[in-house]
Amino acid sequence: TGLEYLTQSLYEPDAFIVEGYNPGMPVIHKPPIGLNNNEILCVIAWLQSLGGEVTVSLDTTHAYNSDS
């Protein structure tokens, strides 16, 4: 799903690397960025709002939920 793709891309940014490009985007849930789960859900909602319907809320669960 779109939520799974966005979530994995934020928690594991090297999971999907376009051929010809180098990995290197930092994970956002660890220092130096260090966003918590609710902040990441807000980022996902913002990304969704750029191109369609927002399907997440602060109550949304996903495979990476470990803190709130």
PDB file of N, CA and C in Angstrom:
ATOM      1  N   THR A   1       0.838  -1.193   0.000  1.00  0.00           N
ATOM      2  CA  THR A   1       0.000   0.000   0.000  1.00  0.00           C
ATOM      3  C   THR A   1       0.878   1.249   0.000  1.00  0.00           C
ATOM      4  N   GLY A   2       0.253   2.376  -0.224  1.00  0.00           N
ATOM      5  CA  GLY A   2       0.993   3.634  -0.177  1.00  0.00           C
ATOM      6  C   GLY A   2       1.557   3.916   1.197  1.00  0.00           C
ATOM      7  N   LEU A   3       0.768   3.611   2.225  1.00  0.00           N
ATOM      8  CA  LEU A   3       1.240   3.817   3.595  1.00  0.00           C
ATOM      9  C   LEU A   3       2.459   2.951   3.882  1.00  0.00           C
ATOM     10  N   GLU A   4       2.414   1.684   3.472  1.00  0.00           N
ATOM     11  CA  GLU A   4       3.558   0.792   3.705  1.00  0.00           C
ATOM     12  C   GLU A   4       4.802   1.303   2.991  1.00  0.00           C
ATOM     13  N   TYR A   5       4.644   1.755   1.750  1.00  0.00           N
ATOM     14  CA  TYR A   5       5.780   2.266   0.985  1.00  0.00           C
ATOM     15  C   TYR A   5       6.381   3.506   1.646  1.00  0.00           C
ATOM     16  N   LEU A   6       5.535   4.461   2.006  1.00  0.00           N
ATOM     17  CA  LEU A   6       6.044   5.683   2.642  1.00  0.00           C
ATOM     18  C   LEU A   6       6.702   5.381   3.979  1.00  0.00           C
ATOM     19  N   THR A   7       6.069   4.518   4.765  1.00  0.00           N
ATOM     20  CA  THR A   7       6.619   4.174   6.077  1.00  0.00           C
ATOM     21  C   THR A   7       7.972   3.502   5.935  1.00  0.00           C
ATOM     22  N   GLN A   8       8.061   2.501   5.064  1.00  0.00           N
ATOM     23  CA  GLN A   8       9.338   1.815   4.887  1.00  0.00           C
ATOM     24  C   GLN A   8      10.390   2.767   4.331  1.00  0.00           C
ATOM     25  N   SER A   9      10.005   3.630   3.434  1.00  0.00           N
ATOM     26  CA  SER A   9      10.969   4.569   2.855  1.00  0.00           C
ATOM     27  C   SER A   9      11.540   5.527   3.893  1.00  0.00           C
ATOM     28  N   LEU A  10      10.744   5.871   4.902  1.00  0.00           N
ATOM     29  CA  LEU A  10      11.226   6.765   5.951  1.00  0.00           C
ATOM     30  C   LEU A  10      12.045   6.022   7.001  1.00  0.00           C
ATOM     31  N   TYR A  11      11.605   4.822   7.382  1.00  0.00           N
ATOM     32  CA  TYR A  11      12.329   4.057   8.398  1.00  0.00           C
ATOM     33  C   TYR A  11      13.530   3.311   7.816  1.00  0.00           C
ATOM     34  N   GLU A  12      13.464   2.927   6.545  1.00  0.00           N
ATOM     35  CA  GLU A  12      14.552   2.211   5.863  1.00  0.00           C
ATOM     36  C   GLU A  12      14.796   2.879   4.508  1.00  0.00           C
ATOM     37  N   PRO A  13      15.400   4.048   4.495  1.00  0.00           N
ATOM     38  CA  PRO A  13      15.506   4.808   3.250  1.00  0.00           C
ATOM     39  C   PRO A  13      16.317   4.132   2.149  1.00  0.00           C
ATOM     40  N   ASP A  14      17.120   3.148   2.478  1.00  0.00           N
ATOM     41  CA  ASP A  14      17.884   2.454   1.441  1.00  0.00           C
ATOM     42  C   ASP A  14      17.146   1.235   0.889  1.00  0.00           C
ATOM     43  N   ALA A  15      15.895   1.019   1.286  1.00  0.00           N
ATOM     44  CA  ALA A  15      15.130  -0.141   0.820  1.00  0.00           C
ATOM     45  C   ALA A  15      14.797  -0.039  -0.668  1.00  0.00           C
ATOM     46  N   PHE A  16      14.560   1.155  -1.155  1.00  0.00           N
ATOM     47  CA  PHE A  16      14.211   1.361  -2.560  1.00  0.00           C
ATOM     48  C   PHE A  16      15.169   2.391  -3.152  1.00  0.00           C
ATOM     49  N   ILE A  17      16.183   1.907  -3.859  1.00  0.00           N
ATOM     50  CA  ILE A  17      17.163   2.793  -4.490  1.00  0.00           C
ATOM     51  C   ILE A  17      16.994   2.671  -6.002  1.00  0.00           C
ATOM     52  N   VAL A  18      16.770   3.780  -6.653  1.00  0.00           N
ATOM     53  CA  VAL A  18      16.633   3.785  -8.101  1.00  0.00           C
ATOM     54  C   VAL A  18      17.989   3.464  -8.714  1.00  0.00           C
ATOM     55  N   GLU A  19      17.977   2.587  -9.718  1.00  0.00           N
ATOM     56  CA  GLU A  19      19.215   2.200 -10.385  1.00  0.00           C
ATOM     57  C   GLU A  19      19.943   3.441 -10.885  1.00  0.00           C
ATOM     58  N   GLY A  20      21.233   3.477 -10.624  1.00  0.00           N
ATOM     59  CA  GLY A  20      22.051   4.607 -11.035  1.00  0.00           C
ATOM     60  C   GLY A  20      22.241   5.658  -9.950  1.00  0.00           C
ATOM     61  N   TYR A  21      21.514   5.508  -8.841  1.00  0.00           N
ATOM     62  CA  TYR A  21      21.631   6.447  -7.725  1.00  0.00           C
ATOM     63  C   TYR A  21      22.256   5.746  -6.528  1.00  0.00           C
ATOM     64  N   ASN A  22      22.981   6.498  -5.730  1.00  0.00           N
ATOM     65  CA  ASN A  22      23.631   5.954  -4.541  1.00  0.00           C
ATOM     66  C   ASN A  22      22.717   6.077  -3.329  1.00  0.00           C
ATOM     67  N   PRO A  23      22.814   5.102  -2.413  1.00  0.00           N
ATOM     68  CA  PRO A  23      22.082   5.245  -1.151  1.00  0.00           C
ATOM     69  C   PRO A  23      22.716   6.359  -0.328  1.00  0.00           C
ATOM     70  N   GLY A  24      22.027   6.798   0.687  1.00  0.00           N
ATOM     71  CA  GLY A  24      22.643   7.812   1.521  1.00  0.00           C
ATOM     72  C   GLY A  24      21.683   8.675   2.304  1.00  0.00           C
ATOM     73  N   MET A  25      20.381   8.517   2.077  1.00  0.00           N
ATOM     74  CA  MET A  25      19.436   9.302   2.871  1.00  0.00           C
ATOM     75  C   MET A  25      19.468   8.791   4.304  1.00  0.00           C
ATOM     76  N   PRO A  26      19.563   9.680   5.279  1.00  0.00           N
ATOM     77  CA  PRO A  26      19.601   9.222   6.677  1.00  0.00           C
ATOM     78  C   PRO A  26      18.230   8.743   7.137  1.00  0.00           C
ATOM     79  N   VAL A  27      18.237   7.809   8.091  1.00  0.00           N
ATOM     80  CA  VAL A  27      16.971   7.417   8.705  1.00  0.00           C
ATOM     81  C   VAL A  27      16.496   8.587   9.552  1.00  0.00           C
ATOM     82  N   ILE A  28      15.188   8.765   9.648  1.00  0.00           N
ATOM     83  CA  ILE A  28      14.696   9.947  10.352  1.00  0.00           C
ATOM     84  C   ILE A  28      14.244   9.658  11.774  1.00  0.00           C
ATOM     85  N   HIS A  29      14.265   8.380  12.169  1.00  0.00           N
ATOM     86  CA  HIS A  29      13.836   8.049  13.534  1.00  0.00           C
ATOM     87  C   HIS A  29      15.011   7.880  14.494  1.00  0.00           C
ATOM     88  N   LYS A  30      16.209   8.138  14.022  1.00  0.00           N
ATOM     89  CA  LYS A  30      17.413   8.060  14.857  1.00  0.00           C
ATOM     90  C   LYS A  30      18.160   9.385  14.743  1.00  0.00           C
ATOM     91  N   PRO A  31      19.020   9.686  15.717  1.00  0.00           N
ATOM     92  CA  PRO A  31      19.811  10.922  15.628  1.00  0.00           C
ATOM     93  C   PRO A  31      20.628  10.953  14.338  1.00  0.00           C
ATOM     94  N   PRO A  32      20.840  12.105  13.761  1.00  0.00           N
ATOM     95  CA  PRO A  32      20.615  13.428  14.339  1.00  0.00           C
ATOM     96  C   PRO A  32      19.191  13.952  14.143  1.00  0.00           C
ATOM     97  N   ILE A  33      18.368  13.319  13.309  1.00  0.00           N
ATOM     98  CA  ILE A  33      17.009  13.830  13.087  1.00  0.00           C
ATOM     99  C   ILE A  33      16.106  13.433  14.248  1.00  0.00           C
ATOM    100  N   GLY A  34      15.990  12.140  14.519  1.00  0.00           N
ATOM    101  CA  GLY A  34      15.326  11.641  15.713  1.00  0.00           C
ATOM    102  C   GLY A  34      13.840  11.919  15.855  1.00  0.00           C
ATOM    103  N   LEU A  35      13.074  11.821  14.760  1.00  0.00           N
ATOM    104  CA  LEU A  35      11.632  12.008  14.878  1.00  0.00           C
ATOM    105  C   LEU A  35      10.999  10.813  15.588  1.00  0.00           C
ATOM    106  N   ASN A  36       9.963  11.070  16.384  1.00  0.00           N
ATOM    107  CA  ASN A  36       9.239   9.960  17.012  1.00  0.00           C
ATOM    108  C   ASN A  36       8.127   9.497  16.068  1.00  0.00           C
ATOM    109  N   ASN A  37       7.419   8.438  16.459  1.00  0.00           N
ATOM    110  CA  ASN A  37       6.401   7.857  15.593  1.00  0.00           C
ATOM    111  C   ASN A  37       5.325   8.871  15.202  1.00  0.00           C
ATOM    112  N   ASN A  38       4.836   9.655  16.143  1.00  0.00           N
ATOM    113  CA  ASN A  38       3.796  10.637  15.816  1.00  0.00           C
ATOM    114  C   ASN A  38       4.296  11.676  14.824  1.00  0.00           C
ATOM    115  N   GLU A  39       5.531  12.106  14.970  1.00  0.00           N
ATOM    116  CA  GLU A  39       6.102  13.072  14.029  1.00  0.00           C
ATOM    117  C   GLU A  39       6.242  12.458  12.641  1.00  0.00           C
ATOM    118  N   ILE A  40       6.617  11.189  12.582  1.00  0.00           N
ATOM    119  CA  ILE A  40       6.737  10.508  11.290  1.00  0.00           C
ATOM    120  C   ILE A  40       5.364  10.359  10.643  1.00  0.00           C
ATOM    121  N   LEU A  41       4.338  10.056  11.429  1.00  0.00           N
ATOM    122  CA  LEU A  41       2.980   9.991  10.877  1.00  0.00           C
ATOM    123  C   LEU A  41       2.564  11.344  10.305  1.00  0.00           C
ATOM    124  N   CYS A  42       2.973  12.423  10.938  1.00  0.00           N
ATOM    125  CA  CYS A  42       2.686  13.762  10.412  1.00  0.00           C
ATOM    126  C   CYS A  42       3.404  13.998   9.087  1.00  0.00           C
ATOM    127  N   VAL A  43       4.636  13.526   8.969  1.00  0.00           N
ATOM    128  CA  VAL A  43       5.377  13.636   7.703  1.00  0.00           C
ATOM    129  C   VAL A  43       4.655  12.839   6.623  1.00  0.00           C
ATOM    130  N   ILE A  44       4.214  11.628   6.955  1.00  0.00           N
ATOM    131  CA  ILE A  44       3.491  10.799   5.986  1.00  0.00           C
ATOM    132  C   ILE A  44       2.202  11.498   5.552  1.00  0.00           C
ATOM    133  N   ALA A  45       1.464  12.062   6.504  1.00  0.00           N
ATOM    134  CA  ALA A  45       0.228  12.780   6.163  1.00  0.00           C
ATOM    135  C   ALA A  45       0.528  13.946   5.227  1.00  0.00           C
ATOM    136  N   TRP A  46       1.597  14.673   5.504  1.00  0.00           N
ATOM    137  CA  TRP A  46       1.968  15.794   4.638  1.00  0.00           C
ATOM    138  C   TRP A  46       2.315  15.300   3.236  1.00  0.00           C
ATOM    139  N   LEU A  47       3.113  14.226   3.146  1.00  0.00           N
ATOM    140  CA  LEU A  47       3.468  13.680   1.835  1.00  0.00           C
ATOM    141  C   LEU A  47       2.221  13.235   1.083  1.00  0.00           C
ATOM    142  N   GLN A  48       1.302  12.564   1.772  1.00  0.00           N
ATOM    143  CA  GLN A  48       0.060  12.141   1.125  1.00  0.00           C
ATOM    144  C   GLN A  48      -0.745  13.346   0.637  1.00  0.00           C
ATOM    145  N   SER A  49      -0.746  14.417   1.402  1.00  0.00           N
ATOM    146  CA  SER A  49      -1.543  15.595   1.033  1.00  0.00           C
ATOM    147  C   SER A  49      -1.043  16.259  -0.246  1.00  0.00           C
ATOM    148  N   LEU A  50       0.194  15.998  -0.610  1.00  0.00           N
ATOM    149  CA  LEU A  50       0.760  16.598  -1.816  1.00  0.00           C
ATOM    150  C   LEU A  50       0.187  16.000  -3.088  1.00  0.00           C
ATOM    151  N   GLY A  51      -0.309  14.753  -3.000  1.00  0.00           N
ATOM    152  CA  GLY A  51      -0.760  14.112  -4.220  1.00  0.00           C
ATOM    153  C   GLY A  51      -2.034  13.313  -4.095  1.00  0.00           C
ATOM    154  N   GLY A  52      -2.767  13.516  -3.042  1.00  0.00           N
ATOM    155  CA  GLY A  52      -3.995  12.739  -2.922  1.00  0.00           C
ATOM    156  C   GLY A  52      -4.616  12.836  -1.553  1.00  0.00           C
ATOM    157  N   GLU A  53      -5.291  11.764  -1.195  1.00  0.00           N
ATOM    158  CA  GLU A  53      -6.036  11.713   0.056  1.00  0.00           C
ATOM    159  C   GLU A  53      -5.135  11.335   1.227  1.00  0.00           C
ATOM    160  N   VAL A  54      -5.285  12.029   2.325  1.00  0.00           N
ATOM    161  CA  VAL A  54      -4.552  11.701   3.548  1.00  0.00           C
ATOM    162  C   VAL A  54      -5.283  10.549   4.224  1.00  0.00           C
ATOM    163  N   THR A  55      -4.562   9.441   4.436  1.00  0.00           N
ATOM    164  CA  THR A  55      -5.181   8.240   5.009  1.00  0.00           C
ATOM    165  C   THR A  55      -4.636   7.899   6.386  1.00  0.00           C
ATOM    166  N   VAL A  56      -3.755   8.712   6.921  1.00  0.00           N
ATOM    167  CA  VAL A  56      -3.167   8.419   8.230  1.00  0.00           C
ATOM    168  C   VAL A  56      -3.652   9.424   9.267  1.00  0.00           C
ATOM    169  N   SER A  57      -3.578   8.997  10.515  1.00  0.00           N
ATOM    170  CA  SER A  57      -3.834   9.873  11.657  1.00  0.00           C
ATOM    171  C   SER A  57      -2.841   9.472  12.737  1.00  0.00           C
ATOM    172  N   LEU A  58      -2.868  10.147  13.857  1.00  0.00           N
ATOM    173  CA  LEU A  58      -1.947   9.794  14.941  1.00  0.00           C
ATOM    174  C   LEU A  58      -2.264   8.429  15.534  1.00  0.00           C
ATOM    175  N   ASP A  59      -3.436   7.874  15.219  1.00  0.00           N
ATOM    176  CA  ASP A  59      -3.810   6.540  15.695  1.00  0.00           C
ATOM    177  C   ASP A  59      -3.429   5.433  14.723  1.00  0.00           C
ATOM    178  N   THR A  60      -2.889   5.782  13.571  1.00  0.00           N
ATOM    179  CA  THR A  60      -2.521   4.792  12.565  1.00  0.00           C
ATOM    180  C   THR A  60      -1.404   3.899  13.085  1.00  0.00           C
ATOM    181  N   THR A  61      -1.562   2.607  12.875  1.00  0.00           N
ATOM    182  CA  THR A  61      -0.504   1.663  13.238  1.00  0.00           C
ATOM    183  C   THR A  61       0.172   1.165  11.965  1.00  0.00           C
ATOM    184  N   HIS A  62       1.420   0.794  12.110  1.00  0.00           N
ATOM    185  CA  HIS A  62       2.197   0.270  10.993  1.00  0.00           C
ATOM    186  C   HIS A  62       3.281  -0.640  11.545  1.00  0.00           C
ATOM    187  N   ALA A  63       4.010  -1.280  10.659  1.00  0.00           N
ATOM    188  CA  ALA A  63       5.008  -2.283  11.055  1.00  0.00           C
ATOM    189  C   ALA A  63       6.132  -1.713  11.906  1.00  0.00           C
ATOM    190  N   TYR A  64       6.333  -0.411  11.883  1.00  0.00           N
ATOM    191  CA  TYR A  64       7.456   0.196  12.598  1.00  0.00           C
ATOM    192  C   TYR A  64       7.044   0.865  13.900  1.00  0.00           C
ATOM    193  N   ASN A  65       5.761   0.801  14.258  1.00  0.00           N
ATOM    194  CA  ASN A  65       5.306   1.409  15.521  1.00  0.00           C
ATOM    195  C   ASN A  65       6.064   0.799  16.686  1.00  0.00           C
ATOM    196  N   SER A  66       6.776   1.638  17.405  1.00  0.00           N
ATOM    197  CA  SER A  66       7.463   1.159  18.607  1.00  0.00           C
ATOM    198  C   SER A  66       7.431   2.202  19.704  1.00  0.00           C
ATOM    199  N   ASP A  67       7.174   3.443  19.315  1.00  0.00           N
ATOM    200  CA  ASP A  67       7.075   4.523  20.290  1.00  0.00           C
ATOM    201  C   ASP A  67       5.952   5.449  19.862  1.00  0.00           C
ATOM    202  N   SER A  68       5.507   6.270  20.773  1.00  0.00           N
ATOM    203  CA  SER A  68       4.429   7.198  20.419  1.00  0.00           C
ATOM    204  C   SER A  68       4.731   8.580  20.925  1.00  0.00           C
TER     205      SER A  68
END
